[in-house]
Amino acid sequence: MPVVTVRNLPAATHRALKLRAAQNGRSTEAEIREILEEAVRPATRIKIGSELAAFGQCFGELDVNVTRDQTPAEPASFE
């Protein structure tokens, strides 16, 4: 997993991050990850699977309720 180092972070910002993390019951590092995740991957983003299912349901006769096969995959045989 990639690692990011943030240099020259003001002391006041670090204190605010530590406080916010404590209020949310997380470590400072986990809080920073959460902040970054919210910033670059908003919850309101369009999810392609949901959009395709909604598109299919617009056409009433399409069956989009397919049951997934839960059988464990078998390893490939090259013999």
PDB file of N, CA and C in Angstrom:
ATOM      1  N   MET A   1       0.847  -1.168   0.000  1.00  0.00           N
ATOM      2  CA  MET A   1       0.000   0.000   0.000  1.00  0.00           C
ATOM      3  C   MET A   1       0.895   1.235   0.000  1.00  0.00           C
ATOM      4  N   PRO A   2       0.559   2.232  -0.804  1.00  0.00           N
ATOM      5  CA  PRO A   2       1.378   3.443  -0.869  1.00  0.00           C
ATOM      6  C   PRO A   2       1.422   4.196   0.457  1.00  0.00           C
ATOM      7  N   VAL A   3       2.497   4.908   0.652  1.00  0.00           N
ATOM      8  CA  VAL A   3       2.693   5.717   1.855  1.00  0.00           C
ATOM      9  C   VAL A   3       2.885   7.163   1.423  1.00  0.00           C
ATOM     10  N   VAL A   4       2.274   8.091   2.142  1.00  0.00           N
ATOM     11  CA  VAL A   4       2.400   9.514   1.866  1.00  0.00           C
ATOM     12  C   VAL A   4       2.953  10.193   3.112  1.00  0.00           C
ATOM     13  N   THR A   5       3.929  11.055   2.919  1.00  0.00           N
ATOM     14  CA  THR A   5       4.488  11.822   4.016  1.00  0.00           C
ATOM     15  C   THR A   5       4.103  13.278   3.819  1.00  0.00           C
ATOM     16  N   VAL A   6       3.585  13.898   4.866  1.00  0.00           N
ATOM     17  CA  VAL A   6       3.212  15.312   4.808  1.00  0.00           C
ATOM     18  C   VAL A   6       4.225  16.088   5.647  1.00  0.00           C
ATOM     19  N   ARG A   7       4.956  16.965   4.997  1.00  0.00           N
ATOM     20  CA  ARG A   7       5.983  17.749   5.690  1.00  0.00           C
ATOM     21  C   ARG A   7       5.457  19.151   5.997  1.00  0.00           C
ATOM     22  N   ASN A   8       6.060  19.760   6.990  1.00  0.00           N
ATOM     23  CA  ASN A   8       5.776  21.155   7.358  1.00  0.00           C
ATOM     24  C   ASN A   8       4.311  21.390   7.711  1.00  0.00           C
ATOM     25  N   LEU A   9       3.694  20.434   8.365  1.00  0.00           N
ATOM     26  CA  LEU A   9       2.318  20.596   8.826  1.00  0.00           C
ATOM     27  C   LEU A   9       2.329  21.509  10.050  1.00  0.00           C
ATOM     28  N   PRO A  10       1.563  22.581  10.035  1.00  0.00           N
ATOM     29  CA  PRO A  10       1.553  23.483  11.187  1.00  0.00           C
ATOM     30  C   PRO A  10       1.116  22.755  12.465  1.00  0.00           C
ATOM     31  N   ALA A  11       1.697  23.139  13.581  1.00  0.00           N
ATOM     32  CA  ALA A  11       1.390  22.504  14.864  1.00  0.00           C
ATOM     33  C   ALA A  11      -0.094  22.604  15.194  1.00  0.00           C
ATOM     34  N   ALA A  12      -0.701  23.740  14.882  1.00  0.00           N
ATOM     35  CA  ALA A  12      -2.137  23.919  15.168  1.00  0.00           C
ATOM     36  C   ALA A  12      -2.979  22.937  14.360  1.00  0.00           C
ATOM     37  N   THR A  13      -2.580  22.687  13.126  1.00  0.00           N
ATOM     38  CA  THR A  13      -3.302  21.732  12.284  1.00  0.00           C
ATOM     39  C   THR A  13      -3.158  20.326  12.844  1.00  0.00           C
ATOM     40  N   HIS A  14      -1.964  19.984  13.289  1.00  0.00           N
ATOM     41  CA  HIS A  14      -1.731  18.662  13.864  1.00  0.00           C
ATOM     42  C   HIS A  14      -2.570  18.472  15.127  1.00  0.00           C
ATOM     43  N   ARG A  15      -2.601  19.491  15.976  1.00  0.00           N
ATOM     44  CA  ARG A  15      -3.430  19.416  17.186  1.00  0.00           C
ATOM     45  C   ARG A  15      -4.905  19.240  16.833  1.00  0.00           C
ATOM     46  N   ALA A  16      -5.370  19.976  15.827  1.00  0.00           N
ATOM     47  CA  ALA A  16      -6.772  19.869  15.403  1.00  0.00           C
ATOM     48  C   ALA A  16      -7.075  18.473  14.867  1.00  0.00           C
ATOM     49  N   LEU A  17      -6.135  17.899  14.130  1.00  0.00           N
ATOM     50  CA  LEU A  17      -6.312  16.538  13.622  1.00  0.00           C
ATOM     51  C   LEU A  17      -6.382  15.529  14.773  1.00  0.00           C
ATOM     52  N   LYS A  18      -5.491  15.696  15.752  1.00  0.00           N
ATOM     53  CA  LYS A  18      -5.494  14.790  16.901  1.00  0.00           C
ATOM     54  C   LYS A  18      -6.806  14.897  17.673  1.00  0.00           C
ATOM     55  N   LEU A  19      -7.309  16.111  17.846  1.00  0.00           N
ATOM     56  CA  LEU A  19      -8.570  16.324  18.549  1.00  0.00           C
ATOM     57  C   LEU A  19      -9.733  15.700  17.784  1.00  0.00           C
ATOM     58  N   ARG A  20      -9.778  15.952  16.487  1.00  0.00           N
ATOM     59  CA  ARG A  20     -10.849  15.381  15.654  1.00  0.00           C
ATOM     60  C   ARG A  20     -10.802  13.856  15.690  1.00  0.00           C
ATOM     61  N   ALA A  21      -9.601  13.303  15.632  1.00  0.00           N
ATOM     62  CA  ALA A  21      -9.449  11.843  15.681  1.00  0.00           C
ATOM     63  C   ALA A  21      -9.976  11.299  17.006  1.00  0.00           C
ATOM     64  N   ALA A  22      -9.626  11.947  18.098  1.00  0.00           N
ATOM     65  CA  ALA A  22     -10.090  11.501  19.419  1.00  0.00           C
ATOM     66  C   ALA A  22     -11.611  11.584  19.519  1.00  0.00           C
ATOM     67  N   GLN A  23     -12.199  12.633  18.971  1.00  0.00           N
ATOM     68  CA  GLN A  23     -13.651  12.782  19.000  1.00  0.00           C
ATOM     69  C   GLN A  23     -14.354  11.690  18.191  1.00  0.00           C
ATOM     70  N   ASN A  24     -13.688  11.195  17.166  1.00  0.00           N
ATOM     71  CA  ASN A  24     -14.265  10.145  16.319  1.00  0.00           C
ATOM     72  C   ASN A  24     -13.800   8.741  16.703  1.00  0.00           C
ATOM     73  N   GLY A  25     -13.014   8.647  17.781  1.00  0.00           N
ATOM     74  CA  GLY A  25     -12.556   7.336  18.251  1.00  0.00           C
ATOM     75  C   GLY A  25     -11.575   6.657  17.313  1.00  0.00           C
ATOM     76  N   ARG A  26     -10.760   7.452  16.626  1.00  0.00           N
ATOM     77  CA  ARG A  26      -9.784   6.901  15.683  1.00  0.00           C
ATOM     78  C   ARG A  26      -8.396   7.419  16.027  1.00  0.00           C
ATOM     79  N   SER A  27      -7.401   6.756  15.462  1.00  0.00           N
ATOM     80  CA  SER A  27      -6.039   7.277  15.564  1.00  0.00           C
ATOM     81  C   SER A  27      -5.924   8.480  14.636  1.00  0.00           C
ATOM     82  N   THR A  28      -4.894   9.276  14.850  1.00  0.00           N
ATOM     83  CA  THR A  28      -4.685  10.437  13.979  1.00  0.00           C
ATOM     84  C   THR A  28      -4.489   9.989  12.544  1.00  0.00           C
ATOM     85  N   GLU A  29      -3.735   8.933  12.354  1.00  0.00           N
ATOM     86  CA  GLU A  29      -3.498   8.412  11.008  1.00  0.00           C
ATOM     87  C   GLU A  29      -4.798   7.956  10.349  1.00  0.00           C
ATOM     88  N   ALA A  30      -5.636   7.244  11.096  1.00  0.00           N
ATOM     89  CA  ALA A  30      -6.922   6.790  10.550  1.00  0.00           C
ATOM     90  C   ALA A  30      -7.824   7.981  10.214  1.00  0.00           C
ATOM     91  N   GLU A  31      -7.759   9.011  11.032  1.00  0.00           N
ATOM     92  CA  GLU A  31      -8.565  10.209  10.777  1.00  0.00           C
ATOM     93  C   GLU A  31      -8.111  10.896   9.490  1.00  0.00           C
ATOM     94  N   ILE A  32      -6.817  10.989   9.287  1.00  0.00           N
ATOM     95  CA  ILE A  32      -6.289  11.594   8.063  1.00  0.00           C
ATOM     96  C   ILE A  32      -6.721  10.779   6.851  1.00  0.00           C
ATOM     97  N   ARG A  33      -6.660   9.449   6.945  1.00  0.00           N
ATOM     98  CA  ARG A  33      -7.124   8.590   5.847  1.00  0.00           C
ATOM     99  C   ARG A  33      -8.590   8.864   5.537  1.00  0.00           C
ATOM    100  N   GLU A  34      -9.407   8.983   6.574  1.00  0.00           N
ATOM    101  CA  GLU A  34     -10.841   9.245   6.403  1.00  0.00           C
ATOM    102  C   GLU A  34     -11.070  10.592   5.722  1.00  0.00           C
ATOM    103  N   ILE A  35     -10.352  11.615   6.139  1.00  0.00           N
ATOM    104  CA  ILE A  35     -10.486  12.946   5.535  1.00  0.00           C
ATOM    105  C   ILE A  35     -10.119  12.896   4.051  1.00  0.00           C
ATOM    106  N   LEU A  36      -9.006  12.253   3.746  1.00  0.00           N
ATOM    107  CA  LEU A  36      -8.572  12.153   2.350  1.00  0.00           C
ATOM    108  C   LEU A  36      -9.572  11.355   1.519  1.00  0.00           C
ATOM    109  N   GLU A  37     -10.072  10.268   2.055  1.00  0.00           N
ATOM    110  CA  GLU A  37     -11.043   9.433   1.345  1.00  0.00           C
ATOM    111  C   GLU A  37     -12.304  10.229   1.031  1.00  0.00           C
ATOM    112  N   GLU A  38     -12.813  10.975   1.994  1.00  0.00           N
ATOM    113  CA  GLU A  38     -14.003  11.794   1.778  1.00  0.00           C
ATOM    114  C   GLU A  38     -13.752  12.870   0.727  1.00  0.00           C
ATOM    115  N   ALA A  39     -12.541  13.394   0.697  1.00  0.00           N
ATOM    116  CA  ALA A  39     -12.224  14.473  -0.236  1.00  0.00           C
ATOM    117  C   ALA A  39     -12.143  13.997  -1.680  1.00  0.00           C
ATOM    118  N   VAL A  40     -11.595  12.821  -1.894  1.00  0.00           N
ATOM    119  CA  VAL A  40     -11.377  12.364  -3.276  1.00  0.00           C
ATOM    120  C   VAL A  40     -12.406  11.351  -3.759  1.00  0.00           C
ATOM    121  N   ARG A  41     -13.144  10.734  -2.859  1.00  0.00           N
ATOM    122  CA  ARG A  41     -14.162   9.756  -3.247  1.00  0.00           C
ATOM    123  C   ARG A  41     -15.459  10.057  -2.521  1.00  0.00           C
ATOM    124  N   PRO A  42     -16.175  11.107  -2.935  1.00  0.00           N
ATOM    125  CA  PRO A  42     -17.404  11.491  -2.244  1.00  0.00           C
ATOM    126  C   PRO A  42     -18.475  10.413  -2.329  1.00  0.00           C
ATOM    127  N   ALA A  43     -19.322  10.357  -1.309  1.00  0.00           N
ATOM    128  CA  ALA A  43     -20.393   9.349  -1.259  1.00  0.00           C
ATOM    129  C   ALA A  43     -21.417   9.544  -2.371  1.00  0.00           C
ATOM    130  N   THR A  44     -21.488  10.745  -2.926  1.00  0.00           N
ATOM    131  CA  THR A  44     -22.470  11.020  -3.973  1.00  0.00           C
ATOM    132  C   THR A  44     -21.984  10.647  -5.363  1.00  0.00           C
ATOM    133  N   ARG A  45     -20.822   9.992  -5.454  1.00  0.00           N
ATOM    134  CA  ARG A  45     -20.316   9.619  -6.772  1.00  0.00           C
ATOM    135  C   ARG A  45     -21.236   8.590  -7.421  1.00  0.00           C
ATOM    136  N   ILE A  46     -21.258   8.584  -8.724  1.00  0.00           N
ATOM    137  CA  ILE A  46     -22.091   7.642  -9.466  1.00  0.00           C
ATOM    138  C   ILE A  46     -21.394   6.292  -9.473  1.00  0.00           C
ATOM    139  N   LYS A  47     -22.127   5.265  -9.084  1.00  0.00           N
ATOM    140  CA  LYS A  47     -21.594   3.912  -9.075  1.00  0.00           C
ATOM    141  C   LYS A  47     -22.167   3.189 -10.282  1.00  0.00           C
ATOM    142  N   ILE A  48     -21.297   2.684 -11.139  1.00  0.00           N
ATOM    143  CA  ILE A  48     -21.705   2.141 -12.425  1.00  0.00           C
ATOM    144  C   ILE A  48     -22.685   0.972 -12.290  1.00  0.00           C
ATOM    145  N   GLY A  49     -22.482   0.101 -11.325  1.00  0.00           N
ATOM    146  CA  GLY A  49     -23.395  -1.032 -11.157  1.00  0.00           C
ATOM    147  C   GLY A  49     -24.801  -0.583 -10.817  1.00  0.00           C
ATOM    148  N   SER A  50     -24.927   0.372  -9.920  1.00  0.00           N
ATOM    149  CA  SER A  50     -26.236   0.894  -9.542  1.00  0.00           C
ATOM    150  C   SER A  50     -26.897   1.593 -10.723  1.00  0.00           C
ATOM    151  N   GLU A  51     -26.116   2.340 -11.487  1.00  0.00           N
ATOM    152  CA  GLU A  51     -26.664   3.033 -12.648  1.00  0.00           C
ATOM    153  C   GLU A  51     -27.136   2.057 -13.710  1.00  0.00           C
ATOM    154  N   LEU A  52     -26.379   0.994 -13.949  1.00  0.00           N
ATOM    155  CA  LEU A  52     -26.790  -0.006 -14.943  1.00  0.00           C
ATOM    156  C   LEU A  52     -28.058  -0.728 -14.496  1.00  0.00           C
ATOM    157  N   ALA A  53     -28.161  -1.053 -13.214  1.00  0.00           N
ATOM    158  CA  ALA A  53     -29.361  -1.709 -12.705  1.00  0.00           C
ATOM    159  C   ALA A  53     -30.572  -0.795 -12.848  1.00  0.00           C
ATOM    160  N   ALA A  54     -30.424   0.486 -12.525  1.00  0.00           N
ATOM    161  CA  ALA A  54     -31.529   1.444 -12.669  1.00  0.00           C
ATOM    162  C   ALA A  54     -31.926   1.585 -14.127  1.00  0.00           C
ATOM    163  N   PHE A  55     -30.958   1.598 -15.023  1.00  0.00           N
ATOM    164  CA  PHE A  55     -31.233   1.690 -16.452  1.00  0.00           C
ATOM    165  C   PHE A  55     -32.038   0.471 -16.914  1.00  0.00           C
ATOM    166  N   GLY A  56     -31.637  -0.706 -16.474  1.00  0.00           N
ATOM    167  CA  GLY A  56     -32.340  -1.930 -16.849  1.00  0.00           C
ATOM    168  C   GLY A  56     -33.761  -1.954 -16.318  1.00  0.00           C
ATOM    169  N   GLN A  57     -33.972  -1.451 -15.127  1.00  0.00           N
ATOM    170  CA  GLN A  57     -35.305  -1.453 -14.535  1.00  0.00           C
ATOM    171  C   GLN A  57     -36.246  -0.487 -15.248  1.00  0.00           C
ATOM    172  N   CYS A  58     -35.710   0.487 -15.947  1.00  0.00           N
ATOM    173  CA  CYS A  58     -36.546   1.413 -16.718  1.00  0.00           C
ATOM    174  C   CYS A  58     -37.279   0.689 -17.839  1.00  0.00           C
ATOM    175  N   PHE A  59     -36.762  -0.458 -18.251  1.00  0.00           N
ATOM    176  CA  PHE A  59     -37.325  -1.191 -19.373  1.00  0.00           C
ATOM    177  C   PHE A  59     -38.092  -2.419 -18.920  1.00  0.00           C
ATOM    178  N   GLY A  60     -38.730  -2.363 -17.781  1.00  0.00           N
ATOM    179  CA  GLY A  60     -39.609  -3.369 -17.208  1.00  0.00           C
ATOM    180  C   GLY A  60     -39.409  -4.827 -17.563  1.00  0.00           C
ATOM    181  N   GLU A  61     -39.099  -5.165 -18.802  1.00  0.00           N
ATOM    182  CA  GLU A  61     -39.020  -6.566 -19.195  1.00  0.00           C
ATOM    183  C   GLU A  61     -37.634  -7.162 -19.036  1.00  0.00           C
ATOM    184  N   LEU A  62     -36.675  -6.379 -18.631  1.00  0.00           N
ATOM    185  CA  LEU A  62     -35.330  -6.915 -18.434  1.00  0.00           C
ATOM    186  C   LEU A  62     -35.208  -7.497 -17.038  1.00  0.00           C
ATOM    187  N   ASP A  63     -34.629  -8.679 -16.943  1.00  0.00           N
ATOM    188  CA  ASP A  63     -34.441  -9.323 -15.646  1.00  0.00           C
ATOM    189  C   ASP A  63     -33.057  -8.964 -15.127  1.00  0.00           C
ATOM    190  N   VAL A  64     -33.000  -8.060 -14.157  1.00  0.00           N
ATOM    191  CA  VAL A  64     -31.712  -7.670 -13.591  1.00  0.00           C
ATOM    192  C   VAL A  64     -31.490  -8.312 -12.222  1.00  0.00           C
ATOM    193  N   ASN A  65     -32.398  -9.164 -11.793  1.00  0.00           N
ATOM    194  CA  ASN A  65     -32.272  -9.837 -10.501  1.00  0.00           C
ATOM    195  C   ASN A  65     -31.664 -11.226 -10.705  1.00  0.00           C
ATOM    196  N   VAL A  66     -30.427 -11.259 -11.108  1.00  0.00           N
ATOM    197  CA  VAL A  66     -29.718 -12.503 -11.358  1.00  0.00           C
ATOM    198  C   VAL A  66     -29.062 -12.952 -10.060  1.00  0.00           C
ATOM    199  N   THR A  67     -29.267 -14.223  -9.705  1.00  0.00           N
ATOM    200  CA  THR A  67     -28.652 -14.761  -8.497  1.00  0.00           C
ATOM    201  C   THR A  67     -27.227 -15.184  -8.818  1.00  0.00           C
ATOM    202  N   ARG A  68     -26.309 -14.719  -8.014  1.00  0.00           N
ATOM    203  CA  ARG A  68     -24.897 -15.028  -8.221  1.00  0.00           C
ATOM    204  C   ARG A  68     -24.601 -16.464  -7.810  1.00  0.00           C
ATOM    205  N   ASP A  69     -23.813 -17.151  -8.630  1.00  0.00           N
ATOM    206  CA  ASP A  69     -23.388 -18.510  -8.317  1.00  0.00           C
ATOM    207  C   ASP A  69     -22.358 -18.448  -7.193  1.00  0.00           C
ATOM    208  N   GLN A  70     -22.671 -19.053  -6.050  1.00  0.00           N
ATOM    209  CA  GLN A  70     -21.801 -18.993  -4.879  1.00  0.00           C
ATOM    210  C   GLN A  70     -20.833 -20.183  -4.803  1.00  0.00           C
ATOM    211  N   THR A  71     -20.826 -21.040  -5.839  1.00  0.00           N
ATOM    212  CA  THR A  71     -19.940 -22.196  -5.852  1.00  0.00           C
ATOM    213  C   THR A  71     -18.489 -21.732  -5.875  1.00  0.00           C
ATOM    214  N   PRO A  72     -17.648 -22.292  -4.994  1.00  0.00           N
ATOM    215  CA  PRO A  72     -16.226 -21.894  -5.008  1.00  0.00           C
ATOM    216  C   PRO A  72     -15.587 -22.189  -6.358  1.00  0.00           C
ATOM    217  N   ALA A  73     -14.700 -21.325  -6.788  1.00  0.00           N
ATOM    218  CA  ALA A  73     -14.012 -21.496  -8.057  1.00  0.00           C
ATOM    219  C   ALA A  73     -13.027 -22.668  -7.955  1.00  0.00           C
ATOM    220  N   GLU A  74     -12.888 -23.378  -9.046  1.00  0.00           N
ATOM    221  CA  GLU A  74     -11.932 -24.489  -9.133  1.00  0.00           C
ATOM    222  C   GLU A  74     -10.644 -23.977  -9.744  1.00  0.00           C
ATOM    223  N   PRO A  75      -9.503 -24.476  -9.283  1.00  0.00           N
ATOM    224  CA  PRO A  75      -8.245 -24.042  -9.882  1.00  0.00           C
ATOM    225  C   PRO A  75      -8.150 -24.523 -11.340  1.00  0.00           C
ATOM    226  N   ALA A  76      -7.455 -23.758 -12.155  1.00  0.00           N
ATOM    227  CA  ALA A  76      -7.297 -24.124 -13.560  1.00  0.00           C
ATOM    228  C   ALA A  76      -6.428 -25.356 -13.703  1.00  0.00           C
ATOM    229  N   SER A  77      -6.740 -26.161 -14.688  1.00  0.00           N
ATOM    230  CA  SER A  77      -5.939 -27.348 -14.987  1.00  0.00           C
ATOM    231  C   SER A  77      -5.313 -27.160 -16.345  1.00  0.00           C
ATOM    232  N   PHE A  78      -3.991 -27.298 -16.439  1.00  0.00           N
ATOM    233  CA  PHE A  78      -3.302 -27.089 -17.696  1.00  0.00           C
ATOM    234  C   PHE A  78      -2.775 -28.397 -18.275  1.00  0.00           C
ATOM    235  N   GLU A  79      -3.410 -29.487 -17.933  1.00  0.00           N
ATOM    236  CA  GLU A  79      -2.969 -30.796 -18.430  1.00  0.00           C
ATOM    237  C   GLU A  79      -3.726 -31.200 -19.661  1.00  0.00           C
TER     238      GLU A  79
END
